[in-house]
N, C-alpha and C. Protein backbone atom coordinates (compact mmCIF):
# COMPACT_ATOMS: atom_id res chain seq x y z
N MET A 1 137.51 -86.33 -14.57
CA MET A 1 136.38 -86.87 -15.27
C MET A 1 135.97 -85.87 -16.33
N THR A 2 135.75 -86.34 -17.54
CA THR A 2 135.30 -85.47 -18.63
C THR A 2 133.79 -85.55 -18.74
N VAL A 3 133.16 -84.40 -18.78
CA VAL A 3 131.72 -84.30 -19.02
C VAL A 3 131.57 -83.70 -20.41
N ASN A 4 130.82 -84.37 -21.28
CA ASN A 4 130.60 -83.78 -22.61
C ASN A 4 129.14 -83.90 -22.99
N TRP A 5 128.74 -83.08 -23.95
CA TRP A 5 127.35 -83.02 -24.38
C TRP A 5 127.31 -82.66 -25.85
N ASP A 6 126.17 -82.96 -26.46
CA ASP A 6 125.96 -82.60 -27.86
C ASP A 6 125.53 -81.15 -27.95
N THR A 7 125.92 -80.50 -29.04
CA THR A 7 125.48 -79.13 -29.28
C THR A 7 123.99 -79.14 -29.56
N SER A 8 123.28 -78.27 -28.91
CA SER A 8 121.84 -78.21 -29.14
C SER A 8 121.54 -77.29 -30.33
N VAL A 9 120.33 -77.39 -30.83
CA VAL A 9 119.90 -76.52 -31.92
C VAL A 9 119.78 -75.11 -31.36
N ASN A 10 120.37 -74.14 -32.05
CA ASN A 10 120.39 -72.78 -31.50
C ASN A 10 119.41 -71.84 -32.19
N ASN A 11 118.62 -72.34 -33.11
CA ASN A 11 117.60 -71.54 -33.80
C ASN A 11 118.17 -70.28 -34.43
N GLY A 12 119.40 -70.35 -34.94
CA GLY A 12 119.99 -69.23 -35.66
C GLY A 12 120.86 -68.32 -34.83
N ASP A 13 120.69 -68.29 -33.53
CA ASP A 13 121.53 -67.46 -32.67
C ASP A 13 122.65 -68.32 -32.08
N PRO A 14 123.87 -67.83 -32.09
CA PRO A 14 124.96 -68.63 -31.55
C PRO A 14 124.82 -68.86 -30.05
N ILE A 15 125.27 -70.01 -29.59
CA ILE A 15 125.25 -70.31 -28.16
C ILE A 15 126.35 -69.48 -27.50
N THR A 16 125.98 -68.76 -26.45
CA THR A 16 126.92 -67.88 -25.76
C THR A 16 127.50 -68.53 -24.50
N SER A 17 126.80 -69.52 -23.97
CA SER A 17 127.31 -70.22 -22.79
C SER A 17 126.45 -71.47 -22.53
N TYR A 18 126.92 -72.25 -21.61
CA TYR A 18 126.19 -73.42 -21.13
C TYR A 18 126.07 -73.31 -19.62
N HIS A 19 125.00 -73.86 -19.10
CA HIS A 19 124.78 -73.92 -17.67
C HIS A 19 124.91 -75.39 -17.29
N ILE A 20 125.89 -75.72 -16.48
CA ILE A 20 126.19 -77.10 -16.12
C ILE A 20 125.89 -77.30 -14.64
N GLN A 21 125.17 -78.37 -14.33
CA GLN A 21 124.86 -78.67 -12.93
C GLN A 21 125.13 -80.15 -12.64
N ILE A 22 125.52 -80.40 -11.40
CA ILE A 22 125.79 -81.76 -10.92
C ILE A 22 124.84 -82.06 -9.78
N ARG A 23 124.30 -83.28 -9.79
CA ARG A 23 123.38 -83.68 -8.71
C ARG A 23 124.20 -84.13 -7.51
N GLY A 24 123.77 -83.71 -6.35
CA GLY A 24 124.44 -84.06 -5.10
C GLY A 24 124.07 -85.44 -4.61
N THR A 25 124.61 -85.82 -3.48
CA THR A 25 124.40 -87.17 -2.94
C THR A 25 122.97 -87.41 -2.48
N ASP A 26 122.18 -86.36 -2.29
CA ASP A 26 120.80 -86.58 -1.89
C ASP A 26 119.95 -87.15 -3.02
N GLY A 27 120.50 -87.15 -4.26
CA GLY A 27 119.79 -87.72 -5.40
C GLY A 27 118.74 -86.80 -5.98
N VAL A 28 118.56 -85.61 -5.43
CA VAL A 28 117.51 -84.70 -5.88
C VAL A 28 118.09 -83.34 -6.28
N SER A 29 118.88 -82.74 -5.42
CA SER A 29 119.37 -81.38 -5.62
C SER A 29 120.47 -81.32 -6.67
N PHE A 30 120.36 -80.33 -7.57
CA PHE A 30 121.41 -80.05 -8.54
C PHE A 30 122.11 -78.76 -8.14
N TYR A 31 123.42 -78.71 -8.33
CA TYR A 31 124.20 -77.54 -7.97
C TYR A 31 125.00 -77.06 -9.16
N ASP A 32 125.11 -75.73 -9.28
CA ASP A 32 125.90 -75.14 -10.37
C ASP A 32 127.36 -75.55 -10.22
N GLU A 33 127.98 -75.86 -11.35
CA GLU A 33 129.41 -76.19 -11.34
C GLU A 33 130.17 -75.12 -12.08
N LEU A 34 130.91 -74.31 -11.34
CA LEU A 34 131.67 -73.22 -11.94
C LEU A 34 133.17 -73.44 -11.83
N THR A 35 133.61 -74.39 -11.02
CA THR A 35 135.03 -74.62 -10.83
C THR A 35 135.65 -75.27 -12.06
N GLY A 36 135.17 -76.45 -12.44
CA GLY A 36 135.74 -77.16 -13.57
C GLY A 36 134.93 -77.05 -14.83
N CYS A 37 133.71 -76.55 -14.72
CA CYS A 37 132.81 -76.48 -15.88
C CYS A 37 132.13 -75.12 -15.97
N ASP A 38 132.92 -74.08 -16.06
CA ASP A 38 132.37 -72.74 -16.21
C ASP A 38 131.86 -72.60 -17.64
N GLY A 39 130.56 -72.72 -17.82
CA GLY A 39 129.94 -72.72 -19.14
C GLY A 39 130.06 -71.43 -19.90
N THR A 40 130.62 -70.37 -19.30
CA THR A 40 130.85 -69.12 -20.03
C THR A 40 132.23 -69.10 -20.67
N ASN A 41 133.06 -70.08 -20.34
CA ASN A 41 134.42 -70.17 -20.88
C ASN A 41 134.35 -70.57 -22.35
N SER A 42 134.98 -69.81 -23.22
CA SER A 42 134.90 -70.06 -24.67
C SER A 42 135.42 -71.44 -25.04
N TYR A 43 136.39 -71.95 -24.31
CA TYR A 43 136.91 -73.29 -24.59
C TYR A 43 135.81 -74.33 -24.42
N TYR A 44 135.06 -74.25 -23.32
CA TYR A 44 133.99 -75.22 -23.06
C TYR A 44 132.85 -75.07 -24.05
N ILE A 45 132.59 -73.83 -24.47
CA ILE A 45 131.53 -73.61 -25.47
C ILE A 45 131.91 -74.28 -26.78
N GLU A 46 133.15 -74.10 -27.20
CA GLU A 46 133.60 -74.68 -28.46
C GLU A 46 133.70 -76.20 -28.39
N LYS A 47 134.25 -76.73 -27.32
CA LYS A 47 134.50 -78.16 -27.21
C LYS A 47 133.29 -78.95 -26.73
N THR A 48 132.31 -78.28 -26.16
CA THR A 48 131.14 -78.90 -25.52
C THR A 48 131.57 -80.02 -24.58
N GLU A 49 132.55 -79.69 -23.78
CA GLU A 49 133.00 -80.60 -22.73
C GLU A 49 133.72 -79.80 -21.67
N CYS A 50 133.82 -80.40 -20.50
CA CYS A 50 134.58 -79.79 -19.42
C CYS A 50 135.16 -80.89 -18.56
N LEU A 51 136.07 -80.53 -17.69
CA LEU A 51 136.75 -81.49 -16.84
C LEU A 51 136.41 -81.25 -15.38
N LEU A 52 136.07 -82.31 -14.68
CA LEU A 52 135.81 -82.23 -13.25
C LEU A 52 136.92 -82.94 -12.51
N SER A 53 137.49 -82.28 -11.54
CA SER A 53 138.54 -82.92 -10.74
C SER A 53 137.90 -83.73 -9.62
N VAL A 54 138.64 -84.69 -9.12
CA VAL A 54 138.17 -85.49 -8.00
C VAL A 54 137.89 -84.59 -6.81
N ALA A 55 138.77 -83.63 -6.56
CA ALA A 55 138.58 -82.73 -5.41
C ALA A 55 137.27 -81.97 -5.52
N THR A 56 136.90 -81.56 -6.74
CA THR A 56 135.65 -80.82 -6.93
C THR A 56 134.45 -81.67 -6.60
N ILE A 57 134.36 -82.86 -7.15
CA ILE A 57 133.14 -83.65 -6.95
C ILE A 57 133.09 -84.34 -5.60
N GLN A 58 134.23 -84.43 -4.91
CA GLN A 58 134.20 -84.97 -3.56
C GLN A 58 133.90 -83.89 -2.52
N GLY A 59 134.08 -82.62 -2.92
CA GLY A 59 133.87 -81.53 -1.98
C GLY A 59 132.42 -81.07 -1.93
N ALA A 60 132.17 -80.09 -1.07
CA ALA A 60 130.83 -79.50 -0.95
C ALA A 60 130.52 -78.72 -2.22
N PRO A 61 129.30 -78.68 -2.68
CA PRO A 61 128.11 -79.27 -2.07
C PRO A 61 127.82 -80.69 -2.56
N TYR A 62 128.63 -81.22 -3.47
CA TYR A 62 128.32 -82.52 -4.07
C TYR A 62 128.55 -83.68 -3.12
N ASN A 63 129.74 -83.71 -2.51
CA ASN A 63 130.12 -84.72 -1.53
C ASN A 63 130.00 -86.14 -2.06
N LEU A 64 130.37 -86.34 -3.32
CA LEU A 64 130.27 -87.66 -3.92
C LEU A 64 131.42 -88.54 -3.44
N LYS A 65 131.11 -89.80 -3.22
CA LYS A 65 132.08 -90.76 -2.69
C LYS A 65 132.48 -91.76 -3.77
N GLN A 66 133.36 -92.66 -3.41
CA GLN A 66 133.94 -93.64 -4.33
C GLN A 66 132.91 -94.38 -5.17
N THR A 67 131.80 -94.78 -4.60
CA THR A 67 130.85 -95.61 -5.33
C THR A 67 129.61 -94.86 -5.82
N ASP A 68 129.61 -93.54 -5.74
CA ASP A 68 128.46 -92.75 -6.19
C ASP A 68 128.48 -92.58 -7.71
N HIS A 69 127.31 -92.48 -8.29
CA HIS A 69 127.18 -92.20 -9.71
C HIS A 69 127.12 -90.69 -9.91
N ILE A 70 127.75 -90.22 -10.99
CA ILE A 70 127.78 -88.81 -11.30
C ILE A 70 126.64 -88.51 -12.27
N HIS A 71 125.77 -87.58 -11.91
CA HIS A 71 124.65 -87.18 -12.78
C HIS A 71 124.78 -85.70 -13.09
N VAL A 72 124.80 -85.37 -14.37
CA VAL A 72 124.99 -83.99 -14.82
C VAL A 72 123.87 -83.64 -15.78
N ARG A 73 123.48 -82.36 -15.77
CA ARG A 73 122.55 -81.85 -16.77
C ARG A 73 123.08 -80.51 -17.28
N VAL A 74 122.70 -80.18 -18.52
CA VAL A 74 123.23 -78.99 -19.18
C VAL A 74 122.09 -78.24 -19.85
N ALA A 75 122.15 -76.92 -19.80
CA ALA A 75 121.24 -76.06 -20.56
C ALA A 75 122.07 -75.16 -21.46
N SER A 76 121.60 -74.92 -22.67
CA SER A 76 122.27 -74.01 -23.61
C SER A 76 121.70 -72.62 -23.45
N ILE A 77 122.56 -71.61 -23.64
CA ILE A 77 122.12 -70.23 -23.50
C ILE A 77 122.56 -69.46 -24.74
N ASN A 78 121.63 -68.69 -25.31
CA ASN A 78 121.97 -67.77 -26.41
C ASN A 78 121.30 -66.43 -26.11
N SER A 79 121.27 -65.53 -27.07
CA SER A 79 120.73 -64.19 -26.84
C SER A 79 119.25 -64.20 -26.49
N ARG A 80 118.55 -65.27 -26.79
CA ARG A 80 117.11 -65.36 -26.49
C ARG A 80 116.81 -65.94 -25.12
N GLY A 81 117.84 -66.52 -24.48
CA GLY A 81 117.61 -67.08 -23.16
C GLY A 81 118.16 -68.49 -23.05
N ALA A 82 117.70 -69.19 -22.03
CA ALA A 82 118.19 -70.54 -21.74
C ALA A 82 117.22 -71.60 -22.25
N SER A 83 117.79 -72.71 -22.70
CA SER A 83 116.98 -73.85 -23.11
C SER A 83 116.45 -74.57 -21.87
N VAL A 84 115.61 -75.55 -22.09
CA VAL A 84 115.22 -76.44 -21.00
C VAL A 84 116.44 -77.30 -20.68
N TRP A 85 116.45 -77.91 -19.53
CA TRP A 85 117.57 -78.77 -19.13
C TRP A 85 117.64 -80.00 -20.03
N SER A 86 118.83 -80.45 -20.29
CA SER A 86 119.02 -81.70 -21.02
C SER A 86 118.52 -82.85 -20.16
N THR A 87 118.39 -83.99 -20.77
CA THR A 87 118.15 -85.20 -20.00
C THR A 87 119.37 -85.39 -19.11
N VAL A 88 119.15 -85.83 -17.90
CA VAL A 88 120.26 -86.04 -16.98
C VAL A 88 121.16 -87.12 -17.54
N GLY A 89 122.47 -86.89 -17.45
CA GLY A 89 123.45 -87.86 -17.95
C GLY A 89 123.22 -89.25 -17.40
N ASN A 90 123.86 -90.21 -18.01
CA ASN A 90 123.59 -91.60 -17.70
C ASN A 90 124.12 -92.09 -16.36
N GLY A 91 124.61 -91.22 -15.54
CA GLY A 91 125.02 -91.61 -14.19
C GLY A 91 126.28 -92.44 -14.18
N ALA A 92 127.30 -91.93 -14.85
CA ALA A 92 128.56 -92.66 -14.89
C ALA A 92 129.07 -92.91 -13.48
N LEU A 93 129.59 -94.09 -13.27
CA LEU A 93 130.19 -94.41 -11.99
C LEU A 93 131.62 -93.93 -12.02
N ALA A 94 131.94 -93.02 -11.15
CA ALA A 94 133.29 -92.47 -11.11
C ALA A 94 134.09 -93.21 -10.06
N PHE A 95 135.23 -93.70 -10.45
CA PHE A 95 136.12 -94.32 -9.49
C PHE A 95 137.04 -93.23 -8.98
N LEU A 96 136.68 -92.71 -7.84
CA LEU A 96 137.40 -91.57 -7.28
C LEU A 96 138.59 -92.08 -6.48
N SER A 97 139.75 -91.84 -6.98
CA SER A 97 140.95 -92.30 -6.30
C SER A 97 141.26 -91.43 -5.10
N THR A 98 141.62 -92.06 -4.03
CA THR A 98 142.07 -91.36 -2.83
C THR A 98 143.30 -92.10 -2.32
N VAL A 99 143.88 -91.62 -1.27
CA VAL A 99 145.04 -92.32 -0.72
C VAL A 99 144.58 -93.63 -0.10
N PRO A 100 145.43 -94.65 -0.15
CA PRO A 100 145.06 -95.94 0.43
C PRO A 100 145.14 -95.92 1.95
N ASP A 101 144.52 -96.94 2.56
CA ASP A 101 144.69 -97.14 4.00
C ASP A 101 146.14 -97.47 4.30
N LYS A 102 146.56 -97.20 5.52
CA LYS A 102 147.94 -97.51 5.90
C LYS A 102 148.13 -99.03 5.93
N PRO A 103 149.36 -99.48 5.64
CA PRO A 103 149.64 -100.91 5.77
C PRO A 103 149.45 -101.38 7.21
N VAL A 104 149.18 -102.64 7.36
CA VAL A 104 148.94 -103.21 8.69
C VAL A 104 149.87 -104.41 8.90
N SER A 105 149.92 -104.88 10.13
CA SER A 105 150.66 -106.09 10.51
C SER A 105 152.15 -106.00 10.18
N LEU A 106 152.77 -104.88 10.52
CA LEU A 106 154.21 -104.73 10.31
C LEU A 106 154.94 -105.67 11.25
N LEU A 107 155.79 -106.53 10.68
CA LEU A 107 156.52 -107.53 11.47
C LEU A 107 157.97 -107.61 11.02
N ARG A 108 158.83 -107.97 11.95
CA ARG A 108 160.21 -108.28 11.59
C ARG A 108 160.21 -109.65 10.93
N ASP A 109 160.84 -109.74 9.77
CA ASP A 109 160.90 -110.99 9.01
C ASP A 109 162.24 -111.66 9.31
N GLU A 110 162.22 -112.64 10.21
CA GLU A 110 163.44 -113.31 10.65
C GLU A 110 164.16 -114.01 9.50
N THR A 111 163.43 -114.48 8.50
CA THR A 111 164.07 -115.21 7.40
C THR A 111 164.91 -114.30 6.53
N ASN A 112 164.67 -113.00 6.58
CA ASN A 112 165.44 -112.04 5.79
C ASN A 112 166.22 -111.06 6.66
N THR A 113 166.49 -111.44 7.90
CA THR A 113 167.25 -110.59 8.82
C THR A 113 168.64 -111.21 9.00
N PHE A 114 169.67 -110.42 8.68
CA PHE A 114 171.05 -110.87 8.77
C PHE A 114 171.87 -109.74 9.36
N SER A 115 173.14 -109.95 9.50
CA SER A 115 174.04 -108.91 9.96
C SER A 115 173.99 -107.76 8.97
N GLY A 116 173.59 -106.58 9.41
CA GLY A 116 173.51 -105.40 8.55
C GLY A 116 172.22 -105.32 7.74
N GLN A 117 171.27 -106.21 7.96
CA GLN A 117 170.00 -106.18 7.20
C GLN A 117 168.87 -106.65 8.10
N ILE A 118 167.81 -105.88 8.12
CA ILE A 118 166.61 -106.26 8.87
C ILE A 118 165.49 -106.47 7.87
N GLY A 119 164.92 -107.65 7.87
CA GLY A 119 163.78 -107.93 7.01
C GLY A 119 162.49 -107.54 7.70
N ILE A 120 161.58 -106.94 6.94
CA ILE A 120 160.26 -106.59 7.48
C ILE A 120 159.19 -107.03 6.50
N SER A 121 158.01 -107.22 7.01
CA SER A 121 156.87 -107.55 6.15
C SER A 121 155.65 -106.82 6.66
N TRP A 122 154.67 -106.65 5.80
CA TRP A 122 153.42 -105.99 6.16
C TRP A 122 152.34 -106.45 5.19
N SER A 123 151.12 -106.09 5.50
CA SER A 123 149.98 -106.37 4.63
C SER A 123 149.33 -105.05 4.27
N ASP A 124 148.71 -105.02 3.09
CA ASP A 124 147.99 -103.81 2.69
C ASP A 124 146.80 -103.59 3.62
N GLY A 125 146.41 -102.32 3.77
CA GLY A 125 145.22 -101.99 4.52
C GLY A 125 143.98 -102.47 3.77
N ALA A 126 142.82 -102.26 4.34
CA ALA A 126 141.57 -102.77 3.76
C ALA A 126 141.20 -102.09 2.45
N TYR A 127 141.58 -100.82 2.26
CA TYR A 127 141.16 -100.06 1.08
C TYR A 127 142.38 -99.55 0.33
N ASN A 128 142.43 -99.78 -0.98
CA ASN A 128 143.60 -99.39 -1.77
C ASN A 128 143.48 -98.01 -2.40
N GLY A 129 142.43 -97.26 -2.08
CA GLY A 129 142.28 -95.91 -2.62
C GLY A 129 141.64 -95.88 -3.99
N GLY A 130 141.19 -97.03 -4.48
CA GLY A 130 140.53 -97.08 -5.78
C GLY A 130 141.48 -97.37 -6.93
N GLN A 131 142.76 -97.51 -6.64
CA GLN A 131 143.77 -97.81 -7.66
C GLN A 131 144.75 -98.82 -7.08
N PRO A 132 145.41 -99.60 -7.94
CA PRO A 132 146.43 -100.53 -7.42
C PRO A 132 147.55 -99.77 -6.70
N ILE A 133 148.05 -100.33 -5.64
CA ILE A 133 149.19 -99.73 -4.93
C ILE A 133 150.44 -100.01 -5.75
N THR A 134 151.19 -98.97 -6.05
CA THR A 134 152.35 -99.09 -6.94
C THR A 134 153.68 -98.99 -6.21
N ALA A 135 153.69 -98.51 -4.98
CA ALA A 135 154.95 -98.36 -4.24
C ALA A 135 154.65 -98.19 -2.76
N TYR A 136 155.68 -98.34 -1.96
CA TYR A 136 155.57 -98.14 -0.52
C TYR A 136 156.69 -97.20 -0.08
N ARG A 137 156.43 -96.42 0.93
CA ARG A 137 157.46 -95.57 1.53
C ARG A 137 157.84 -96.21 2.85
N VAL A 138 159.09 -96.57 3.00
CA VAL A 138 159.58 -97.23 4.22
C VAL A 138 160.56 -96.29 4.90
N SER A 139 160.34 -96.04 6.19
CA SER A 139 161.22 -95.18 6.97
C SER A 139 161.65 -95.97 8.21
N PHE A 140 162.80 -95.62 8.75
CA PHE A 140 163.24 -96.25 9.99
C PHE A 140 163.99 -95.23 10.83
N ASP A 141 164.09 -95.55 12.08
CA ASP A 141 164.78 -94.66 13.02
C ASP A 141 165.66 -95.48 13.92
């Protein structure tokens, strides 16, 4: 997920870093984000954006799930100090992909079973991981 912001007015002093925070699932607490959005990194200062991985926002302390909205706020920092916090981002809904549920109802398919061939069928599990299923891994013993 890309988080971006507009450059704030710096009153003549160059911006030296940004302070980026993400709101947790409690809807109140904001936590510093240093893994994917280290606001002292010159790349993020220049681009005014950073990247958050699914693993980061699903992990502690954020613990955001598939249907949670992502809320971020940013403060600019220069030699005079830190600005007030930006307005909290618009709460983008992140579709956090995870692995799908295991297939269910594995059955021998008699209509496709012949000498030297065993037909099988199954149904998808209840949850597809947030993305269409593109392939299956079939093993036998």
